[in-house]
Amino acid sequence: MYYDYLIVGAGFAGTVLAERLASRLGKRILVVDRRAHIAGNAYDSVNDDGIRIHHYGPHLFHTNDAHIFEYLSGFTAWHLYEHRVRALVRGQLVPMPINRDTINALFGTAFTQEKDVQTFLEKERESIAHIMNSEEFVLSKAGRRLYDLLYKGYSTKHWGVEPSKLSPLVCGRLPVRLDTDDRYFNDRYQAIPQDGYTRMFEQMLAHENIELRLNMEFSELTDAEYGKLIFTGPIDEYFNWKYGRLPYRSLYFTYETYEREFIQPVAQINYPNDYEYTRSIEFKHITGQSAERTVVAREYPLDEGEPFYPVPSTDSRHLYNRYHADAEALTNVHFTGRLATYKYLNMDQVVGQSLALFSRIAKNEARS
């Protein structure tokens, strides 16, 4: 069998391209993945108690892009969900991202007006003319005390390096609020697939022009079996690590079942200064399911293992740029997704990146 496109990876990046190329351009697609399941790190399943578990950490879809939300809505109904997080600090559970309640709890203040919080933060902040890293970003927005309590320990555990070594965009993803809004995200659309991510991916891959092979390395195929390649794995792996290995962070999870309906007040608790794990997740808060038991996952960062996060530092960006230059010289290979473009992307951004790539491919196909 000859395929127009070989797509490596059955996560968001590869599945979006497979669906679009098959349904819109009528291309014959082969999707391969070395794992035993589809959906990449968004893979979920229901356990014996009927609770839907996210096997690679919580996946919380959020976006302000109506086009992306409408595209995915073609393959799933949605369970509306707004994520809330607490951080365990000094024995207290305080809202994260920082808001008025966080400051009142940690510093014994009783602010009721946004202007009071603004004045407090202005006294805390450090003036930094040229922000170069995540530590400086937080210091310029929230000051040293909040940085030490909520950011430094968590980021160091999660990334394996202190925030002073990370791009400003890492800690810059979180707002500092003056009001009592305790939602983790501000986006217009916040939801998870009603029947789970895995089911949504099954729907996306159901086109007759798409063939799926799991437990398979793309190196098992020959160039003669396909025309063009779309690669969504680590870009340094594609080039056989010729310039050295890019750093990625991995995760390890433990799962505990409790004979209670809930044990946490919210889905996620962060542990910035205590314990080896970074956070605990109680899935029923996210899925909205009802069950007598509950499951909590604890998340431990690792240097080695399945790559989850590109490490956004200056050194890693320089190394990636060398691989990117080689990738640009290839005419029949496209790179898309968090690992292949070495960007710390949210799910909606990965979908948007792959939809944009499809548009470019479609225009090129129309001209040829």
Protein backbone atom coordinates (compact mmCIF):
# COMPACT_ATOMS: atom_id res chain seq x y z
CA MET A 1 0.00 0.00 0.00
CA TYR A 2 1.30 3.44 -0.93
CA TYR A 3 0.36 6.43 1.23
CA ASP A 4 0.37 10.09 0.26
CA TYR A 5 1.41 11.05 3.78
CA LEU A 6 3.03 9.22 6.65
CA ILE A 7 2.19 10.96 9.94
CA VAL A 8 4.35 10.10 12.93
CA GLY A 9 2.41 10.53 16.16
CA ALA A 10 -1.29 10.09 16.96
CA GLY A 11 -1.57 13.03 19.35
CA PHE A 12 -3.21 16.36 18.62
CA ALA A 13 -0.61 17.56 16.11
CA GLY A 14 -0.66 14.45 13.94
CA THR A 15 -4.34 13.62 14.26
CA VAL A 16 -5.49 17.07 13.15
CA LEU A 17 -3.32 16.81 10.02
CA ALA A 18 -4.50 13.27 9.30
CA GLU A 19 -8.16 14.27 9.56
CA ARG A 20 -7.78 17.40 7.42
CA LEU A 21 -5.68 15.79 4.70
CA ALA A 22 -8.01 12.81 4.44
CA SER A 23 -11.35 14.62 4.61
CA ARG A 24 -10.49 17.79 2.71
CA LEU A 25 -7.88 16.71 0.17
CA GLY A 26 -8.76 13.02 -0.18
CA LYS A 27 -5.23 11.93 0.67
CA ARG A 28 -4.36 8.41 1.72
CA ILE A 29 -2.85 8.68 5.22
CA LEU A 30 -0.89 6.31 7.42
CA VAL A 31 -0.60 7.32 11.09
CA VAL A 32 1.95 5.47 13.21
CA ASP A 33 2.64 5.77 16.92
CA ARG A 34 5.12 3.91 19.07
CA ARG A 35 2.64 3.81 21.93
CA ALA A 36 -0.19 1.29 22.26
CA HIS A 37 -2.88 3.98 22.16
CA ILE A 38 -3.98 7.09 20.29
CA ALA A 39 -4.45 10.62 21.69
CA GLY A 40 -0.84 11.13 22.77
CA ASN A 41 -0.54 12.63 26.24
CA ALA A 42 -4.26 13.46 26.17
CA TYR A 43 -5.09 9.74 26.39
CA ASP A 44 -7.77 8.92 28.94
CA SER A 45 -9.83 5.90 29.97
CA VAL A 46 -12.48 4.89 32.49
CA ASN A 47 -11.40 2.79 35.49
CA ASP A 48 -13.36 0.05 37.24
CA ASP A 49 -15.21 2.60 39.35
CA GLY A 50 -16.39 4.49 36.27
CA ILE A 51 -14.00 7.41 36.83
CA ARG A 52 -12.31 8.86 33.78
CA ILE A 53 -8.55 9.07 34.32
CA HIS A 54 -6.13 11.27 32.39
CA HIS A 55 -3.08 9.02 32.17
CA TYR A 56 -0.51 11.74 31.47
CA GLY A 57 -1.68 14.47 33.79
CA PRO A 58 -4.77 16.69 33.59
CA HIS A 59 -5.65 17.92 30.11
CA LEU A 60 -7.81 21.00 30.38
CA PHE A 61 -8.87 22.43 27.07
CA HIS A 62 -9.11 26.20 26.94
CA THR A 63 -8.95 28.69 24.10
CA ASN A 64 -10.07 32.10 22.93
CA ASP A 65 -10.06 30.95 19.30
CA ALA A 66 -13.61 30.23 18.12
CA HIS A 67 -12.33 28.56 14.94
CA ILE A 68 -10.31 25.99 16.89
CA PHE A 69 -13.16 25.29 19.31
CA GLU A 70 -15.65 24.89 16.46
CA TYR A 71 -13.30 22.57 14.59
CA LEU A 72 -12.97 20.19 17.55
CA SER A 73 -16.70 20.48 18.23
CA GLY A 74 -17.20 18.53 15.02
CA PHE A 75 -15.86 15.47 16.83
CA THR A 76 -17.15 15.82 20.39
CA ALA A 77 -19.75 17.34 22.65
CA TRP A 78 -18.30 19.23 25.61
CA HIS A 79 -18.45 19.16 29.38
CA LEU A 80 -17.99 22.76 30.48
CA TYR A 81 -15.31 23.02 33.14
CA GLU A 82 -13.38 25.94 34.67
CA HIS A 83 -10.19 24.79 36.37
CA ARG A 84 -9.31 25.93 39.88
CA VAL A 85 -6.02 25.43 41.69
CA ARG A 86 -4.86 25.86 45.26
CA ALA A 87 -1.25 25.98 46.45
CA LEU A 88 -0.26 24.56 49.81
CA VAL A 89 1.82 27.28 51.46
CA ARG A 90 2.51 27.62 55.20
CA GLY A 91 -0.17 25.04 55.87
CA GLN A 92 -2.80 27.02 53.97
CA LEU A 93 -4.47 26.32 50.65
CA VAL A 94 -4.37 29.58 48.73
CA PRO A 95 -5.63 30.41 45.22
CA MET A 96 -3.20 30.11 42.33
CA PRO A 97 -2.76 32.22 40.17
CA ILE A 98 -2.30 34.96 42.74
CA ASN A 99 -5.40 36.98 43.49
CA ARG A 100 -6.66 39.17 46.33
CA ASP A 101 -7.55 36.16 48.49
CA THR A 102 -4.02 34.75 48.05
CA ILE A 103 -2.46 37.95 49.34
CA ASN A 104 -4.90 38.32 52.23
CA ALA A 105 -4.27 34.73 53.35
CA LEU A 106 -0.48 34.85 53.11
CA PHE A 107 0.13 38.30 54.58
CA GLY A 108 -2.76 38.77 56.98
CA THR A 109 -4.20 41.69 55.07
CA ALA A 110 -7.91 42.34 54.66
CA PHE A 111 -8.03 44.04 51.27
CA THR A 112 -11.49 44.45 49.75
CA GLN A 113 -10.67 46.80 46.88
CA GLU A 114 -8.54 46.26 43.78
CA LYS A 115 -6.76 49.55 44.38
CA ASP A 116 -5.52 48.26 47.76
CA VAL A 117 -4.04 45.16 46.13
CA GLN A 118 -2.48 47.31 43.43
CA THR A 119 -0.82 49.52 46.03
CA PHE A 120 0.45 46.46 47.91
CA LEU A 121 1.94 44.93 44.76
CA GLU A 122 3.57 48.19 43.73
CA LYS A 123 5.50 48.15 47.01
CA GLU A 124 6.46 44.49 46.54
CA ARG A 125 7.57 44.66 42.92
CA GLU A 126 11.16 45.08 41.80
CA SER A 127 11.97 47.46 38.99
CA ILE A 128 13.70 45.51 36.21
CA ALA A 129 14.33 47.35 32.95
CA HIS A 130 14.98 44.36 30.71
CA ILE A 131 13.31 41.13 31.83
CA MET A 132 15.46 38.20 30.74
CA ASN A 133 14.04 35.19 32.60
CA SER A 134 11.10 33.87 34.61
CA GLU A 135 12.51 34.94 37.97
CA GLU A 136 12.80 38.53 36.82
CA PHE A 137 9.31 38.38 35.33
CA VAL A 138 7.73 37.36 38.65
CA LEU A 139 9.82 39.81 40.66
CA SER A 140 8.66 42.61 38.38
CA LYS A 141 4.98 41.59 38.75
CA ALA A 142 4.66 40.27 42.30
CA GLY A 143 7.90 40.81 44.20
CA ARG A 144 10.35 38.61 46.08
CA ARG A 145 8.09 37.30 48.84
CA LEU A 146 5.41 35.92 46.53
CA TYR A 147 8.10 34.61 44.19
CA ASP A 148 9.75 32.64 47.00
CA LEU A 149 6.45 31.30 48.36
CA LEU A 150 4.67 30.31 45.15
CA TYR A 151 6.99 30.20 42.13
CA LYS A 152 10.60 29.39 42.92
CA GLY A 153 10.18 25.96 44.48
CA TYR A 154 7.45 24.78 42.15
CA SER A 155 9.24 25.84 38.97
CA THR A 156 12.55 24.38 40.14
CA LYS A 157 10.91 21.02 40.88
CA HIS A 158 8.96 20.99 37.65
CA TRP A 159 11.71 22.09 35.27
CA GLY A 160 14.81 20.85 37.07
CA VAL A 161 16.35 24.34 36.94
CA GLU A 162 15.58 27.56 38.78
CA PRO A 163 13.32 30.14 37.13
CA SER A 164 16.36 32.36 36.55
CA LYS A 165 17.37 29.84 33.85
CA LEU A 166 13.97 29.76 32.14
CA SER A 167 12.36 31.95 29.52
CA PRO A 168 10.08 34.71 30.91
CA LEU A 169 7.22 33.01 29.06
CA VAL A 170 7.18 30.09 31.53
CA CYS A 171 6.05 31.98 34.62
CA GLY A 172 4.55 34.66 32.42
CA ARG A 173 1.73 32.27 31.51
CA LEU A 174 0.03 33.01 34.84
CA PRO A 175 -1.67 36.33 35.61
CA VAL A 176 -1.49 38.27 38.88
CA ARG A 177 -5.04 39.36 39.66
CA LEU A 178 -6.35 42.21 41.77
CA ASP A 179 -9.82 40.70 42.26
CA THR A 180 -11.03 37.37 43.69
CA ASP A 181 -11.34 35.49 40.39
CA ASP A 182 -9.86 32.08 41.22
CA ARG A 183 -10.13 30.45 37.81
CA TYR A 184 -6.83 29.16 36.48
CA PHE A 185 -7.60 30.31 32.93
CA ASN A 186 -9.32 33.38 31.55
CA ASP A 187 -10.18 31.93 28.14
CA ARG A 188 -13.60 32.27 26.52
CA TYR A 189 -13.91 28.52 25.91
CA GLN A 190 -13.09 26.17 28.78
CA ALA A 191 -14.24 22.54 28.55
CA ILE A 192 -13.21 18.92 28.16
CA PRO A 193 -14.61 16.37 25.68
CA GLN A 194 -17.81 14.97 27.15
CA ASP A 195 -16.90 11.35 26.41
CA GLY A 196 -13.18 11.83 26.88
CA TYR A 197 -10.24 12.78 24.70
CA THR A 198 -9.67 9.24 23.46
CA ARG A 199 -13.18 9.08 22.05
CA MET A 200 -12.72 12.43 20.33
CA PHE A 201 -9.52 11.17 18.71
CA GLU A 202 -11.28 8.01 17.58
CA GLN A 203 -13.82 10.18 15.80
CA MET A 204 -11.11 12.26 14.15
CA LEU A 205 -9.27 9.18 12.90
CA ALA A 206 -12.38 7.35 11.69
CA HIS A 207 -12.09 8.51 8.05
CA GLU A 208 -11.81 5.70 5.51
CA ASN A 209 -8.63 7.22 4.05
CA ILE A 210 -6.78 6.96 7.36
CA GLU A 211 -4.94 3.82 8.46
CA LEU A 212 -3.60 3.61 12.00
CA ARG A 213 -0.74 1.43 13.24
CA LEU A 214 0.17 1.46 16.93
CA ASN A 215 3.23 -0.01 18.66
CA MET A 216 5.22 0.95 15.58
CA GLU A 217 8.33 3.02 14.90
CA PHE A 218 8.27 5.10 11.74
CA SER A 219 11.76 3.81 10.92
CA GLU A 220 10.13 0.45 10.17
CA LEU A 221 8.74 1.97 6.96
CA THR A 222 10.68 2.72 3.81
CA ASP A 223 10.57 5.94 1.80
CA ALA A 224 9.04 3.99 -1.07
CA GLU A 225 5.85 3.42 0.96
CA TYR A 226 4.85 7.07 1.30
CA GLY A 227 5.17 10.38 -0.45
CA LYS A 228 5.57 13.01 2.29
CA LEU A 229 6.23 12.85 6.02
CA ILE A 230 4.70 14.80 8.89
CA PHE A 231 6.74 14.36 12.05
CA THR A 232 5.39 15.27 15.51
CA GLY A 233 8.01 13.62 17.74
CA PRO A 234 11.17 15.19 19.20
CA ILE A 235 12.98 16.98 16.40
CA ASP A 236 16.42 16.00 17.69
CA GLU A 237 15.41 12.34 17.51
CA TYR A 238 14.44 12.73 13.86
CA PHE A 239 17.97 13.92 13.10
CA ASN A 240 19.52 11.16 15.23
CA TRP A 241 20.71 13.69 17.82
CA LYS A 242 23.45 14.87 15.45
CA TYR A 243 23.98 18.12 17.39
CA GLY A 244 23.25 16.63 20.81
CA ARG A 245 20.09 15.94 22.78
CA LEU A 246 17.56 18.66 23.45
CA PRO A 247 16.41 18.72 27.09
CA TYR A 248 12.86 17.59 27.79
CA ARG A 249 11.16 17.11 31.14
CA SER A 250 9.22 13.97 31.83
CA LEU A 251 6.69 12.98 34.49
CA TYR A 252 5.91 10.01 36.69
CA PHE A 253 2.46 9.49 38.23
CA THR A 254 1.12 7.60 41.21
CA TYR A 255 -2.59 6.94 41.64
CA GLU A 256 -4.52 6.44 44.85
CA THR A 257 -8.19 5.49 45.27
CA TYR A 258 -10.08 6.76 48.30
CA GLU A 259 -13.35 5.51 49.78
CA ARG A 260 -14.81 9.01 49.71
CA GLU A 261 -16.65 11.12 47.20
CA PHE A 262 -13.95 13.84 47.25
CA ILE A 263 -10.81 14.54 49.25
CA GLN A 264 -9.70 17.84 47.71
CA PRO A 265 -11.66 21.11 47.57
CA VAL A 266 -10.60 21.63 43.95
CA ALA A 267 -9.18 19.52 41.13
CA GLN A 268 -5.56 20.55 41.60
CA ILE A 269 -3.33 21.31 44.56
CA ASN A 270 0.21 22.58 43.97
CA TYR A 271 3.05 21.88 46.38
CA PRO A 272 5.68 24.57 45.73
CA ASN A 273 7.75 24.06 48.87
CA ASP A 274 6.92 20.61 50.25
CA TYR A 275 7.04 17.01 48.99
CA GLU A 276 8.80 15.57 45.96
CA TYR A 277 5.70 15.80 43.79
CA THR A 278 4.56 19.06 42.26
CA ARG A 279 0.79 18.64 42.31
CA SER A 280 -2.10 16.32 43.07
CA ILE A 281 -5.09 15.95 40.76
CA GLU A 282 -8.56 14.71 41.67
CA PHE A 283 -10.19 13.80 38.37
CA LYS A 284 -13.86 13.85 39.35
CA HIS A 285 -13.71 17.62 39.81
CA ILE A 286 -12.73 17.82 36.14
CA THR A 287 -15.05 15.24 34.62
CA GLY A 288 -18.12 16.07 36.70
CA GLN A 289 -18.74 12.37 37.30
CA SER A 290 -20.53 10.92 40.29
CA ALA A 291 -19.01 7.94 42.11
CA GLU A 292 -18.66 6.74 45.69
CA ARG A 293 -14.88 6.54 45.34
CA THR A 294 -12.39 9.07 44.06
CA VAL A 295 -8.95 8.88 42.42
CA VAL A 296 -6.07 11.25 43.03
CA ALA A 297 -2.89 11.32 40.92
CA ARG A 298 0.38 12.75 42.18
CA GLU A 299 2.84 14.10 39.65
CA TYR A 300 6.62 13.71 39.96
CA PRO A 301 8.93 15.48 37.48
CA LEU A 302 11.80 13.52 35.92
CA ASP A 303 14.82 14.27 33.75
CA GLU A 304 14.48 11.03 31.79
CA GLY A 305 11.50 9.25 30.28
CA GLU A 306 8.70 10.03 27.85
CA PRO A 307 9.23 13.66 26.77
CA PHE A 308 6.47 15.98 28.00
CA TYR A 309 7.89 19.49 28.08
CA PRO A 310 10.59 21.20 26.04
CA VAL A 311 12.76 23.15 28.49
CA PRO A 312 12.53 26.79 27.38
CA SER A 313 16.00 28.11 28.13
CA THR A 314 18.47 30.14 26.11
CA ASP A 315 20.83 27.19 25.62
CA SER A 316 18.07 24.85 24.45
CA ARG A 317 16.76 27.47 22.03
CA HIS A 318 20.20 27.79 20.41
CA LEU A 319 20.45 24.01 20.03
CA TYR A 320 16.93 23.77 18.62
CA ASN A 321 17.72 26.47 16.06
CA ARG A 322 20.42 24.22 14.59
CA TYR A 323 17.92 21.41 14.13
CA HIS A 324 15.32 23.84 12.80
CA ALA A 325 17.74 25.02 10.10
CA ASP A 326 18.15 21.42 8.92
CA ALA A 327 14.38 20.91 9.03
CA GLU A 328 13.80 23.96 6.84
CA ALA A 329 16.06 22.47 4.17
CA LEU A 330 13.82 19.40 3.79
CA THR A 331 11.19 19.58 1.05
CA ASN A 332 9.06 16.52 1.83
CA VAL A 333 9.04 16.62 5.63
CA HIS A 334 6.90 18.86 7.87
CA PHE A 335 7.38 19.30 11.62
CA THR A 336 4.49 20.23 13.89
CA GLY A 337 3.57 19.97 17.57
CA ARG A 338 5.15 20.71 20.93
CA LEU A 339 8.08 18.30 20.57
CA ALA A 340 8.80 18.80 16.88
CA THR A 341 8.84 22.61 17.08
CA TYR A 342 10.26 22.67 20.62
CA LYS A 343 7.65 25.05 21.99
CA TYR A 344 5.73 24.93 25.26
CA LEU A 345 2.33 24.93 23.54
CA ASN A 346 -1.14 24.46 24.98
CA MET A 347 -3.49 22.00 23.28
CA ASP A 348 -5.35 24.70 21.38
CA GLN A 349 -2.06 26.13 20.15
CA VAL A 350 -1.00 22.71 18.85
CA VAL A 351 -4.34 22.39 17.03
CA GLY A 352 -3.93 25.88 15.60
CA GLN A 353 -0.37 25.15 14.50
CA SER A 354 -1.45 21.99 12.66
CA LEU A 355 -4.45 23.69 11.07
CA ALA A 356 -2.13 26.43 9.82
CA LEU A 357 0.24 23.81 8.40
CA PHE A 358 -2.68 22.13 6.66
CA SER A 359 -3.65 25.44 5.05
CA ARG A 360 -0.12 25.84 3.68
CA ILE A 361 -0.11 22.26 2.39
CA ALA A 362 -3.50 22.73 0.75
CA LYS A 363 -2.34 25.88 -1.04
CA ASN A 364 0.76 24.12 -2.29
CA GLU A 365 -1.30 21.16 -3.46
CA ALA A 366 -3.64 23.51 -5.34
CA ARG A 367 -0.70 25.11 -7.17
CA SER A 368 0.89 21.80 -8.15
